[in-house]
Amino acid sequence: TIKRATTSGGPYTTRAISVTNTSYTDTDVTNGITYYYVVSAI
């Protein structure tokens, strides 16, 4: 599960679930904004 925030430490919102690879490309982003990510495993 991929989680994202625009502030370090969150709060995070779920960006994607059921990702089966160990990589992910987030294309729903805006240039110039810093994004913070964490990942959890199921």
Full PDB file with SEQRES, HELIX, SHEET, SSBOND, CRYST1, ORIGX, SCALE, CONECT and MASTER records, all heavy atoms in Angstrom:
SEQRES   1 A   42  THR ILE LYS ARG ALA THR THR SER GLY GLY PRO TYR THR          
SEQRES   2 A   42  THR ARG ALA ILE SER VAL THR ASN THR SER TYR THR ASP          
SEQRES   3 A   42  THR ASP VAL THR ASN GLY ILE THR TYR TYR TYR VAL VAL          
SEQRES   4 A   42  SER ALA ILE                                                  
SHEET    1 AA1 3 THR A  13  ALA A  16  0                                        
SHEET    2 AA1 3 ILE A   2  ALA A   5 -1                                        
SHEET    3 AA1 3 TYR A  36  VAL A  39 -1                                        
CRYST1    1.000    1.000    1.000  90.00  90.00  90.00 P 1           1          
ORIGX1      1.000000  0.000000  0.000000        0.00000                         
ORIGX2      0.000000  1.000000  0.000000        0.00000                         
ORIGX3      0.000000  0.000000  1.000000        0.00000                         
SCALE1      1.000000  0.000000  0.000000        0.00000                         
SCALE2      0.000000  1.000000  0.000000        0.00000                         
SCALE3      0.000000  0.000000  1.000000        0.00000                         
ATOM      1  N   THR A   1       0.853  -1.188   0.000  1.00  0.00           N  
ATOM      2  CA  THR A   1       0.000   0.000   0.000  1.00  0.00           C  
ATOM      3  C   THR A   1       0.889   1.239   0.000  1.00  0.00           C  
ATOM      4  O   THR A   1       1.794   1.348   0.831  1.00  0.00           O  
ATOM      5  CB  THR A   1      -0.921   0.020   1.228  1.00  0.00           C  
ATOM      6  OG1 THR A   1      -1.748  -1.147   1.209  1.00  0.00           O  
ATOM      7  CG2 THR A   1      -1.810   1.256   1.222  1.00  0.00           C  
ATOM      8  N   ILE A   2       0.636   2.144  -0.933  1.00  0.00           N  
ATOM      9  CA  ILE A   2       1.422   3.368  -1.072  1.00  0.00           C  
ATOM     10  C   ILE A   2       0.662   4.506  -0.405  1.00  0.00           C  
ATOM     11  O   ILE A   2      -0.519   4.728  -0.691  1.00  0.00           O  
ATOM     12  CB  ILE A   2       1.667   3.720  -2.550  1.00  0.00           C  
ATOM     13  CG1 ILE A   2       2.081   2.471  -3.355  1.00  0.00           C  
ATOM     14  CG2 ILE A   2       2.694   4.826  -2.672  1.00  0.00           C  
ATOM     15  CD1 ILE A   2       3.340   1.805  -2.871  1.00  0.00           C  
ATOM     16  N   LYS A   3       1.343   5.244   0.484  1.00  0.00           N  
ATOM     17  CA  LYS A   3       0.719   6.371   1.185  1.00  0.00           C  
ATOM     18  C   LYS A   3       1.545   7.629   0.947  1.00  0.00           C  
ATOM     19  O   LYS A   3       2.773   7.558   0.884  1.00  0.00           O  
ATOM     20  CB  LYS A   3       0.618   6.071   2.685  1.00  0.00           C  
ATOM     21  CG  LYS A   3      -0.115   4.763   2.987  1.00  0.00           C  
ATOM     22  CD  LYS A   3       0.030   4.351   4.437  1.00  0.00           C  
ATOM     23  CE  LYS A   3      -0.504   2.960   4.685  1.00  0.00           C  
ATOM     24  NZ  LYS A   3      -0.305   2.521   6.075  1.00  0.00           N  
ATOM     25  N   ARG A   4       0.860   8.769   0.857  1.00  0.00           N  
ATOM     26  CA  ARG A   4       1.527  10.014   0.475  1.00  0.00           C  
ATOM     27  C   ARG A   4       1.043  11.176   1.326  1.00  0.00           C  
ATOM     28  O   ARG A   4      -0.102  11.192   1.780  1.00  0.00           O  
ATOM     29  CB  ARG A   4       1.244  10.297  -1.006  1.00  0.00           C  
ATOM     30  CG  ARG A   4       2.029  11.451  -1.597  1.00  0.00           C  
ATOM     31  CD  ARG A   4       1.652  11.654  -3.044  1.00  0.00           C  
ATOM     32  NE  ARG A   4       0.392  12.360  -3.197  1.00  0.00           N  
ATOM     33  CZ  ARG A   4      -0.170  12.655  -4.370  1.00  0.00           C  
ATOM     34  NH1 ARG A   4       0.416  12.279  -5.487  1.00  0.00           N  
ATOM     35  NH2 ARG A   4      -1.308  13.309  -4.428  1.00  0.00           N  
ATOM     36  N   ALA A   5       1.947  12.134   1.535  1.00  0.00           N  
ATOM     37  CA  ALA A   5       1.595  13.361   2.241  1.00  0.00           C  
ATOM     38  C   ALA A   5       2.363  14.518   1.621  1.00  0.00           C  
ATOM     39  O   ALA A   5       3.331  14.320   0.870  1.00  0.00           O  
ATOM     40  CB  ALA A   5       1.934  13.241   3.728  1.00  0.00           C  
ATOM     41  N   THR A   6       1.952  15.732   1.918  1.00  0.00           N  
ATOM     42  CA  THR A   6       2.694  16.913   1.479  1.00  0.00           C  
ATOM     43  C   THR A   6       3.425  17.565   2.653  1.00  0.00           C  
ATOM     44  O   THR A   6       3.993  18.636   2.504  1.00  0.00           O  
ATOM     45  CB  THR A   6       1.747  17.934   0.823  1.00  0.00           C  
ATOM     46  OG1 THR A   6       0.663  18.201   1.719  1.00  0.00           O  
ATOM     47  CG2 THR A   6       1.202  17.394  -0.498  1.00  0.00           C  
ATOM     48  N   THR A   7       3.381  16.881   3.798  1.00  0.00           N  
ATOM     49  CA  THR A   7       4.111  17.319   4.989  1.00  0.00           C  
ATOM     50  C   THR A   7       4.880  16.143   5.551  1.00  0.00           C  
ATOM     51  O   THR A   7       4.322  15.040   5.661  1.00  0.00           O  
ATOM     52  CB  THR A   7       3.151  17.867   6.067  1.00  0.00           C  
ATOM     53  OG1 THR A   7       2.372  18.930   5.502  1.00  0.00           O  
ATOM     54  CG2 THR A   7       3.919  18.388   7.267  1.00  0.00           C  
ATOM     55  N   SER A   8       6.124  16.339   5.911  1.00  0.00           N  
ATOM     56  CA  SER A   8       6.922  15.251   6.475  1.00  0.00           C  
ATOM     57  C   SER A   8       6.271  14.718   7.750  1.00  0.00           C  
ATOM     58  O   SER A   8       5.875  15.477   8.618  1.00  0.00           O  
ATOM     59  CB  SER A   8       8.337  15.748   6.793  1.00  0.00           C  
ATOM     60  OG  SER A   8       9.116  14.704   7.345  1.00  0.00           O  
ATOM     61  N   GLY A   9       6.136  13.400   7.825  1.00  0.00           N  
ATOM     62  CA  GLY A   9       5.505  12.773   8.982  1.00  0.00           C  
ATOM     63  C   GLY A   9       4.011  12.611   8.869  1.00  0.00           C  
ATOM     64  O   GLY A   9       3.364  12.063   9.760  1.00  0.00           O  
ATOM     65  N   GLY A  10       3.418  13.089   7.746  1.00  0.00           N  
ATOM     66  CA  GLY A  10       1.989  12.930   7.530  1.00  0.00           C  
ATOM     67  C   GLY A  10       1.178  14.098   8.068  1.00  0.00           C  
ATOM     68  O   GLY A  10       1.737  15.137   8.409  1.00  0.00           O  
ATOM     69  N   PRO A  11      -0.167  13.947   8.094  1.00  0.00           N  
ATOM     70  CA  PRO A  11      -0.887  12.688   7.884  1.00  0.00           C  
ATOM     71  C   PRO A  11      -0.856  12.228   6.428  1.00  0.00           C  
ATOM     72  O   PRO A  11      -0.910  13.046   5.508  1.00  0.00           O  
ATOM     73  CB  PRO A  11      -2.322  13.032   8.307  1.00  0.00           C  
ATOM     74  CG  PRO A  11      -2.423  14.514   8.080  1.00  0.00           C  
ATOM     75  CD  PRO A  11      -1.076  15.072   8.396  1.00  0.00           C  
ATOM     76  N   TYR A  12      -0.766  10.885   6.262  1.00  0.00           N  
ATOM     77  CA  TYR A  12      -0.681  10.299   4.941  1.00  0.00           C  
ATOM     78  C   TYR A  12      -2.068   9.892   4.444  1.00  0.00           C  
ATOM     79  O   TYR A  12      -2.933   9.509   5.233  1.00  0.00           O  
ATOM     80  CB  TYR A  12       0.212   9.051   4.957  1.00  0.00           C  
ATOM     81  CG  TYR A  12       1.618   9.305   5.448  1.00  0.00           C  
ATOM     82  CD1 TYR A  12       1.999   8.956   6.741  1.00  0.00           C  
ATOM     83  CD2 TYR A  12       2.569   9.881   4.619  1.00  0.00           C  
ATOM     84  CE1 TYR A  12       3.290   9.186   7.198  1.00  0.00           C  
ATOM     85  CE2 TYR A  12       3.864  10.116   5.060  1.00  0.00           C  
ATOM     86  CZ  TYR A  12       4.214   9.771   6.353  1.00  0.00           C  
ATOM     87  OH  TYR A  12       5.488   9.996   6.797  1.00  0.00           O  
ATOM     88  N   THR A  13      -2.269   9.978   3.139  1.00  0.00           N  
ATOM     89  CA  THR A  13      -3.461   9.437   2.504  1.00  0.00           C  
ATOM     90  C   THR A  13      -3.036   8.308   1.575  1.00  0.00           C  
ATOM     91  O   THR A  13      -1.928   8.315   1.038  1.00  0.00           O  
ATOM     92  CB  THR A  13      -4.214  10.508   1.696  1.00  0.00           C  
ATOM     93  OG1 THR A  13      -3.333  11.070   0.717  1.00  0.00           O  
ATOM     94  CG2 THR A  13      -4.723  11.612   2.604  1.00  0.00           C  
ATOM     95  N   THR A  14      -3.923   7.351   1.406  1.00  0.00           N  
ATOM     96  CA  THR A  14      -3.605   6.199   0.558  1.00  0.00           C  
ATOM     97  C   THR A  14      -3.584   6.619  -0.899  1.00  0.00           C  
ATOM     98  O   THR A  14      -4.554   7.162  -1.419  1.00  0.00           O  
ATOM     99  CB  THR A  14      -4.625   5.075   0.774  1.00  0.00           C  
ATOM    100  OG1 THR A  14      -4.584   4.668   2.142  1.00  0.00           O  
ATOM    101  CG2 THR A  14      -4.303   3.885  -0.118  1.00  0.00           C  
ATOM    102  N   ARG A  15      -2.451   6.350  -1.550  1.00  0.00           N  
ATOM    103  CA  ARG A  15      -2.299   6.691  -2.967  1.00  0.00           C  
ATOM    104  C   ARG A  15      -2.626   5.495  -3.855  1.00  0.00           C  
ATOM    105  O   ARG A  15      -3.180   5.650  -4.933  1.00  0.00           O  
ATOM    106  CB  ARG A  15      -0.851   7.162  -3.226  1.00  0.00           C  
ATOM    107  CG  ARG A  15      -0.588   7.586  -4.661  1.00  0.00           C  
ATOM    108  CD  ARG A  15      -1.282   8.896  -4.979  1.00  0.00           C  
ATOM    109  NE  ARG A  15      -1.246   9.175  -6.394  1.00  0.00           N  
ATOM    110  CZ  ARG A  15      -2.184   8.865  -7.254  1.00  0.00           C  
ATOM    111  NH1 ARG A  15      -3.288   8.260  -6.846  1.00  0.00           N  
ATOM    112  NH2 ARG A  15      -2.082   9.172  -8.530  1.00  0.00           N  
ATOM    113  N   ALA A  16      -2.260   4.286  -3.417  1.00  0.00           N  
ATOM    114  CA  ALA A  16      -2.526   3.082  -4.208  1.00  0.00           C  
ATOM    115  C   ALA A  16      -2.553   1.875  -3.276  1.00  0.00           C  
ATOM    116  O   ALA A  16      -1.849   1.832  -2.269  1.00  0.00           O  
ATOM    117  CB  ALA A  16      -1.475   2.886  -5.289  1.00  0.00           C  
ATOM    118  N   ILE A  17      -3.402   0.899  -3.602  1.00  0.00           N  
ATOM    119  CA  ILE A  17      -3.470  -0.347  -2.855  1.00  0.00           C  
ATOM    120  C   ILE A  17      -3.244  -1.514  -3.807  1.00  0.00           C  
ATOM    121  O   ILE A  17      -3.268  -1.347  -5.029  1.00  0.00           O  
ATOM    122  CB  ILE A  17      -4.831  -0.511  -2.154  1.00  0.00           C  
ATOM    123  CG1 ILE A  17      -5.977  -0.522  -3.184  1.00  0.00           C  
ATOM    124  CG2 ILE A  17      -5.053   0.575  -1.114  1.00  0.00           C  
ATOM    125  CD1 ILE A  17      -7.328  -0.832  -2.581  1.00  0.00           C  
ATOM    126  N   SER A  18      -2.978  -2.677  -3.240  1.00  0.00           N  
ATOM    127  CA  SER A  18      -2.819  -3.916  -4.017  1.00  0.00           C  
ATOM    128  C   SER A  18      -1.722  -3.806  -5.060  1.00  0.00           C  
ATOM    129  O   SER A  18      -1.828  -4.373  -6.160  1.00  0.00           O  
ATOM    130  CB  SER A  18      -4.152  -4.303  -4.678  1.00  0.00           C  
ATOM    131  OG  SER A  18      -5.166  -4.461  -3.710  1.00  0.00           O  
ATOM    132  N   VAL A  19      -0.646  -3.070  -4.760  1.00  0.00           N  
ATOM    133  CA  VAL A  19       0.513  -2.987  -5.649  1.00  0.00           C  
ATOM    134  C   VAL A  19       1.342  -4.246  -5.439  1.00  0.00           C  
ATOM    135  O   VAL A  19       1.782  -4.538  -4.326  1.00  0.00           O  
ATOM    136  CB  VAL A  19       1.359  -1.732  -5.348  1.00  0.00           C  
ATOM    137  CG1 VAL A  19       2.616  -1.715  -6.202  1.00  0.00           C  
ATOM    138  CG2 VAL A  19       0.532  -0.477  -5.589  1.00  0.00           C  
ATOM    139  N   THR A  20       1.567  -5.021  -6.484  1.00  0.00           N  
ATOM    140  CA  THR A  20       2.249  -6.308  -6.338  1.00  0.00           C  
ATOM    141  C   THR A  20       3.741  -6.232  -6.636  1.00  0.00           C  
ATOM    142  O   THR A  20       4.479  -7.163  -6.315  1.00  0.00           O  
ATOM    143  CB  THR A  20       1.607  -7.353  -7.267  1.00  0.00           C  
ATOM    144  OG1 THR A  20       1.607  -6.861  -8.623  1.00  0.00           O  
ATOM    145  CG2 THR A  20       0.164  -7.631  -6.845  1.00  0.00           C  
ATOM    146  N   ASN A  21       4.198  -5.140  -7.243  1.00  0.00           N  
ATOM    147  CA  ASN A  21       5.630  -4.975  -7.496  1.00  0.00           C  
ATOM    148  C   ASN A  21       6.287  -4.243  -6.329  1.00  0.00           C  
ATOM    149  O   ASN A  21       5.610  -3.757  -5.425  1.00  0.00           O  
ATOM    150  CB  ASN A  21       5.862  -4.183  -8.792  1.00  0.00           C  
ATOM    151  CG  ASN A  21       5.299  -4.897  -9.994  1.00  0.00           C  
ATOM    152  OD1 ASN A  21       5.373  -6.111 -10.098  1.00  0.00           O  
ATOM    153  ND2 ASN A  21       4.716  -4.144 -10.918  1.00  0.00           N  
ATOM    154  N   THR A  22       7.623  -4.147  -6.365  1.00  0.00           N  
ATOM    155  CA  THR A  22       8.341  -3.361  -5.352  1.00  0.00           C  
ATOM    156  C   THR A  22       8.769  -2.021  -5.933  1.00  0.00           C  
ATOM    157  O   THR A  22       9.800  -1.461  -5.557  1.00  0.00           O  
ATOM    158  CB  THR A  22       9.558  -4.133  -4.810  1.00  0.00           C  
ATOM    159  OG1 THR A  22      10.388  -4.508  -5.914  1.00  0.00           O  
ATOM    160  CG2 THR A  22       9.121  -5.366  -4.048  1.00  0.00           C  
ATOM    161  N   SER A  23       7.961  -1.518  -6.849  1.00  0.00           N  
ATOM    162  CA  SER A  23       8.180  -0.195  -7.418  1.00  0.00           C  
ATOM    163  C   SER A  23       6.827   0.396  -7.790  1.00  0.00           C  
ATOM    164  O   SER A  23       5.852  -0.330  -7.998  1.00  0.00           O  
ATOM    165  CB  SER A  23       9.082  -0.260  -8.658  1.00  0.00           C  
ATOM    166  OG  SER A  23       8.473  -1.030  -9.675  1.00  0.00           O  
ATOM    167  N   TYR A  24       6.781   1.712  -7.840  1.00  0.00           N  
ATOM    168  CA  TYR A  24       5.533   2.396  -8.162  1.00  0.00           C  
ATOM    169  C   TYR A  24       5.859   3.772  -8.709  1.00  0.00           C  
ATOM    170  O   TYR A  24       6.766   4.455  -8.213  1.00  0.00           O  
ATOM    171  CB  TYR A  24       4.660   2.529  -6.912  1.00  0.00           C  
ATOM    172  CG  TYR A  24       3.388   3.310  -7.131  1.00  0.00           C  
ATOM    173  CD1 TYR A  24       2.287   2.726  -7.732  1.00  0.00           C  
ATOM    174  CD2 TYR A  24       3.294   4.645  -6.734  1.00  0.00           C  
ATOM    175  CE1 TYR A  24       1.114   3.443  -7.932  1.00  0.00           C  
ATOM    176  CE2 TYR A  24       2.130   5.362  -6.925  1.00  0.00           C  
ATOM    177  CZ  TYR A  24       1.047   4.757  -7.530  1.00  0.00           C  
ATOM    178  OH  TYR A  24      -0.118   5.467  -7.732  1.00  0.00           O  
ATOM    179  N   THR A  25       5.143   4.191  -9.751  1.00  0.00           N  
ATOM    180  CA  THR A  25       5.314   5.513 -10.332  1.00  0.00           C  
ATOM    181  C   THR A  25       4.074   6.350 -10.077  1.00  0.00           C  
ATOM    182  O   THR A  25       2.974   5.980 -10.483  1.00  0.00           O  
ATOM    183  CB  THR A  25       5.581   5.427 -11.844  1.00  0.00           C  
ATOM    184  OG1 THR A  25       6.773   4.671 -12.070  1.00  0.00           O  
ATOM    185  CG2 THR A  25       5.759   6.819 -12.434  1.00  0.00           C  
ATOM    186  N   ASP A  26       4.255   7.447  -9.369  1.00  0.00           N  
ATOM    187  CA  ASP A  26       3.152   8.359  -9.058  1.00  0.00           C  
ATOM    188  C   ASP A  26       3.168   9.487 -10.084  1.00  0.00           C  
ATOM    189  O   ASP A  26       4.091  10.310 -10.110  1.00  0.00           O  
ATOM    190  CB  ASP A  26       3.327   8.908  -7.644  1.00  0.00           C  
ATOM    191  CG  ASP A  26       2.097   9.689  -7.173  1.00  0.00           C  
ATOM    192  OD1 ASP A  26       1.140   9.808  -7.958  1.00  0.00           O  
ATOM    193  OD2 ASP A  26       2.101  10.156  -6.016  1.00  0.00           O  
ATOM    194  N   THR A  27       2.147   9.508 -10.915  1.00  0.00           N  
ATOM    195  CA  THR A  27       2.063  10.535 -11.956  1.00  0.00           C  
ATOM    196  C   THR A  27       1.064  11.643 -11.601  1.00  0.00           C  
ATOM    197  O   THR A  27       0.934  12.610 -12.337  1.00  0.00           O  
ATOM    198  CB  THR A  27       1.667   9.903 -13.300  1.00  0.00           C  
ATOM    199  OG1 THR A  27       0.436   9.188 -13.134  1.00  0.00           O  
ATOM    200  CG2 THR A  27       2.742   8.938 -13.785  1.00  0.00           C  
ATOM    201  N   ASP A  28       0.366  11.477 -10.473  1.00  0.00           N  
ATOM    202  CA  ASP A  28      -0.589  12.498 -10.043  1.00  0.00           C  
ATOM    203  C   ASP A  28       0.124  13.485  -9.110  1.00  0.00           C  
ATOM    204  O   ASP A  28      -0.196  13.610  -7.929  1.00  0.00           O  
ATOM    205  CB  ASP A  28      -1.768  11.836  -9.332  1.00  0.00           C  
ATOM    206  CG  ASP A  28      -2.850  12.846  -8.965  1.00  0.00           C  
ATOM    207  OD1 ASP A  28      -2.873  13.928  -9.570  1.00  0.00           O  
ATOM    208  OD2 ASP A  28      -3.658  12.542  -8.061  1.00  0.00           O  
ATOM    209  N   VAL A  29       1.125  14.156  -9.656  1.00  0.00           N  
ATOM    210  CA  VAL A  29       1.932  15.095  -8.872  1.00  0.00           C  
ATOM    211  C   VAL A  29       2.068  16.405  -9.643  1.00  0.00           C  
ATOM    212  O   VAL A  29       1.885  16.442 -10.859  1.00  0.00           O  
ATOM    213  CB  VAL A  29       3.329  14.518  -8.559  1.00  0.00           C  
ATOM    214  CG1 VAL A  29       3.219  13.295  -7.672  1.00  0.00           C  
ATOM    215  CG2 VAL A  29       4.086  14.186  -9.846  1.00  0.00           C  
ATOM    216  N   THR A  30       2.430  17.458  -8.918  1.00  0.00           N  
ATOM    217  CA  THR A  30       2.623  18.778  -9.510  1.00  0.00           C  
ATOM    218  C   THR A  30       4.076  19.190  -9.364  1.00  0.00           C  
ATOM    219  O   THR A  30       4.635  19.102  -8.257  1.00  0.00           O  
ATOM    220  CB  THR A  30       1.719  19.818  -8.821  1.00  0.00           C  
ATOM    221  OG1 THR A  30       0.346  19.408  -8.944  1.00  0.00           O  
ATOM    222  CG2 THR A  30       1.898  21.196  -9.454  1.00  0.00           C  
ATOM    223  N   ASN A  31       4.678  19.597 -10.448  1.00  0.00           N  
ATOM    224  CA  ASN A  31       6.074  20.027 -10.399  1.00  0.00           C  
ATOM    225  C   ASN A  31       6.256  21.153  -9.379  1.00  0.00           C  
ATOM    226  O   ASN A  31       5.439  22.075  -9.286  1.00  0.00           O  
ATOM    227  CB  ASN A  31       6.550  20.495 -11.772  1.00  0.00           C  
ATOM    228  CG  ASN A  31       6.773  19.350 -12.731  1.00  0.00           C  
ATOM    229  OD1 ASN A  31       6.993  18.221 -12.319  1.00  0.00           O  
ATOM    230  ND2 ASN A  31       6.711  19.626 -14.032  1.00  0.00           N  
ATOM    231  N   GLY A  32       7.352  21.063  -8.622  1.00  0.00           N  
ATOM    232  CA  GLY A  32       7.672  22.088  -7.645  1.00  0.00           C  
ATOM    233  C   GLY A  32       7.160  21.813  -6.242  1.00  0.00           C  
ATOM    234  O   GLY A  32       7.542  22.504  -5.293  1.00  0.00           O  
ATOM    235  N   ILE A  33       6.285  20.802  -6.076  1.00  0.00           N  
ATOM    236  CA  ILE A  33       5.760  20.438  -4.753  1.00  0.00           C  
ATOM    237  C   ILE A  33       6.502  19.206  -4.246  1.00  0.00           C  
ATOM    238  O   ILE A  33       6.689  18.242  -4.984  1.00  0.00           O  
ATOM    239  CB  ILE A  33       4.248  20.162  -4.810  1.00  0.00           C  
ATOM    240  CG1 ILE A  33       3.482  21.437  -5.192  1.00  0.00           C  
ATOM    241  CG2 ILE A  33       3.738  19.615  -3.487  1.00  0.00           C  
ATOM    242  CD1 ILE A  33       1.992  21.240  -5.320  1.00  0.00           C  
ATOM    243  N   THR A  34       6.917  19.240  -2.983  1.00  0.00           N  
ATOM    244  CA  THR A  34       7.602  18.093  -2.385  1.00  0.00           C  
ATOM    245  C   THR A  34       6.574  17.128  -1.817  1.00  0.00           C  
ATOM    246  O   THR A  34       5.664  17.527  -1.081  1.00  0.00           O  
ATOM    247  CB  THR A  34       8.557  18.544  -1.270  1.00  0.00           C  
ATOM    248  OG1 THR A  34       9.533  19.429  -1.827  1.00  0.00           O  
ATOM    249  CG2 THR A  34       9.273  17.354  -0.653  1.00  0.00           C  
ATOM    250  N   TYR A  35       6.710  15.855  -2.179  1.00  0.00           N  
ATOM    251  CA  TYR A  35       5.806  14.799  -1.705  1.00  0.00           C  
ATOM    252  C   TYR A  35       6.579  13.827  -0.819  1.00  0.00           C  
ATOM    253  O   TYR A  35       7.736  13.504  -1.092  1.00  0.00           O  
ATOM    254  CB  TYR A  35       5.186  14.054  -2.886  1.00  0.00           C  
ATOM    255  CG  TYR A  35       4.305  14.924  -3.757  1.00  0.00           C  
ATOM    256  CD1 TYR A  35       4.841  15.632  -4.831  1.00  0.00           C  
ATOM    257  CD2 TYR A  35       2.947  15.048  -3.501  1.00  0.00           C  
ATOM    258  CE1 TYR A  35       4.041  16.443  -5.629  1.00  0.00           C  
ATOM    259  CE2 TYR A  35       2.135  15.860  -4.293  1.00  0.00           C  
ATOM    260  CZ  TYR A  35       2.688  16.546  -5.360  1.00  0.00           C  
ATOM    261  OH  TYR A  35       1.900  17.336  -6.144  1.00  0.00           O  
ATOM    262  N   TYR A  36       5.901  13.361   0.234  1.00  0.00           N  
ATOM    263  CA  TYR A  36       6.499  12.440   1.197  1.00  0.00           C  
ATOM    264  C   TYR A  36       5.743  11.113   1.140  1.00  0.00           C  
ATOM    265  O   TYR A  36       4.502  11.098   1.145  1.00  0.00           O  
ATOM    266  CB  TYR A  36       6.442  13.026   2.608  1.00  0.00           C  
ATOM    267  CG  TYR A  36       7.163  14.348   2.727  1.00  0.00           C  
ATOM    268  CD1 TYR A  36       6.528  15.548   2.382  1.00  0.00           C  
ATOM    269  CD2 TYR A  36       8.473  14.416   3.179  1.00  0.00           C  
ATOM    270  CE1 TYR A  36       7.181  16.768   2.476  1.00  0.00           C  
ATOM    271  CE2 TYR A  36       9.143  15.626   3.281  1.00  0.00           C  
ATOM    272  CZ  TYR A  36       8.483  16.796   2.927  1.00  0.00           C  
ATOM    273  OH  TYR A  36       9.136  18.003   3.022  1.00  0.00           O  
ATOM    274  N   TYR A  37       6.478  10.002   1.107  1.00  0.00           N  
ATOM    275  CA  TYR A  37       5.873   8.686   0.912  1.00  0.00           C  
ATOM    276  C   TYR A  37       6.287   7.706   2.007  1.00  0.00           C  
ATOM    277  O   TYR A  37       7.406   7.778   2.541  1.00  0.00           O  
ATOM    278  CB  TYR A  37       6.287   8.094  -0.430  1.00  0.00           C  
ATOM    279  CG  TYR A  37       5.825   8.864  -1.636  1.00  0.00           C  
ATOM    280  CD1 TYR A  37       6.583   9.904  -2.153  1.00  0.00           C  
ATOM    281  CD2 TYR A  37       4.620   8.557  -2.263  1.00  0.00           C  
ATOM    282  CE1 TYR A  37       6.159  10.622  -3.265  1.00  0.00           C  
ATOM    283  CE2 TYR A  37       4.186   9.268  -3.374  1.00  0.00           C  
ATOM    284  CZ  TYR A  37       4.965  10.296  -3.869  1.00  0.00           C  
ATOM    285  OH  TYR A  37       4.542  11.005  -4.967  1.00  0.00           O  
ATOM    286  N   VAL A  38       5.380   6.783   2.334  1.00  0.00           N  
ATOM    287  CA  VAL A  38       5.688   5.579   3.099  1.00  0.00           C  
ATOM    288  C   VAL A  38       4.967   4.423   2.417  1.00  0.00           C  
ATOM    289  O   VAL A  38       3.988   4.632   1.683  1.00  0.00           O  
ATOM    290  CB  VAL A  38       5.253   5.685   4.580  1.00  0.00           C  
ATOM    291  CG1 VAL A  38       6.078   6.721   5.319  1.00  0.00           C  
ATOM    292  CG2 VAL A  38       3.768   5.982   4.690  1.00  0.00           C  
ATOM    293  N   VAL A  39       5.448   3.205   2.660  1.00  0.00           N  
ATOM    294  CA  VAL A  39       4.864   1.996   2.061  1.00  0.00           C  
ATOM    295  C   VAL A  39       4.649   0.974   3.170  1.00  0.00           C  
ATOM    296  O   VAL A  39       5.492   0.837   4.070  1.00  0.00           O  
ATOM    297  CB  VAL A  39       5.790   1.411   0.976  1.00  0.00           C  
ATOM    298  CG1 VAL A  39       5.234   0.096   0.441  1.00  0.00           C  
ATOM    299  CG2 VAL A  39       5.975   2.404  -0.162  1.00  0.00           C  
ATOM    300  N   SER A  40       3.517   0.269   3.127  1.00  0.00           N  
ATOM    301  CA  SER A  40       3.271  -0.842   4.052  1.00  0.00           C  
ATOM    302  C   SER A  40       3.025  -2.110   3.247  1.00  0.00           C  
ATOM    303  O   SER A  40       2.623  -2.052   2.078  1.00  0.00           O  
ATOM    304  CB  SER A  40       2.079  -0.552   4.966  1.00  0.00           C  
ATOM    305  OG  SER A  40       0.896  -0.353   4.204  1.00  0.00           O  
ATOM    306  N   ALA A  41       3.278  -3.256   3.870  1.00  0.00           N  
ATOM    307  CA  ALA A  41       3.109  -4.553   3.214  1.00  0.00           C  
ATOM    308  C   ALA A  41       1.882  -5.262   3.773  1.00  0.00           C  
ATOM    309  O   ALA A  41       1.560  -5.121   4.957  1.00  0.00           O  
ATOM    310  CB  ALA A  41       4.350  -5.413   3.412  1.00  0.00           C  
ATOM    311  N   ILE A  42       1.191  -6.026   2.935  1.00  0.00           N  
ATOM    312  CA  ILE A  42       0.067  -6.851   3.363  1.00  0.00           C  
ATOM    313  C   ILE A  42       0.515  -8.307   3.295  1.00  0.00           C  
ATOM    314  O   ILE A  42       0.821  -8.823   2.218  1.00  0.00           O  
ATOM    315  CB  ILE A  42      -1.175  -6.647   2.480  1.00  0.00           C  
ATOM    316  CG1 ILE A  42      -1.564  -5.161   2.440  1.00  0.00           C  
ATOM    317  CG2 ILE A  42      -2.329  -7.506   2.986  1.00  0.00           C  
ATOM    318  CD1 ILE A  42      -1.969  -4.590   3.772  1.00  0.00           C  
TER     319      ILE A  42                                                      
MASTER        0    0    0    0    3    0    0    6  318    1    0    4          
END                                                                             
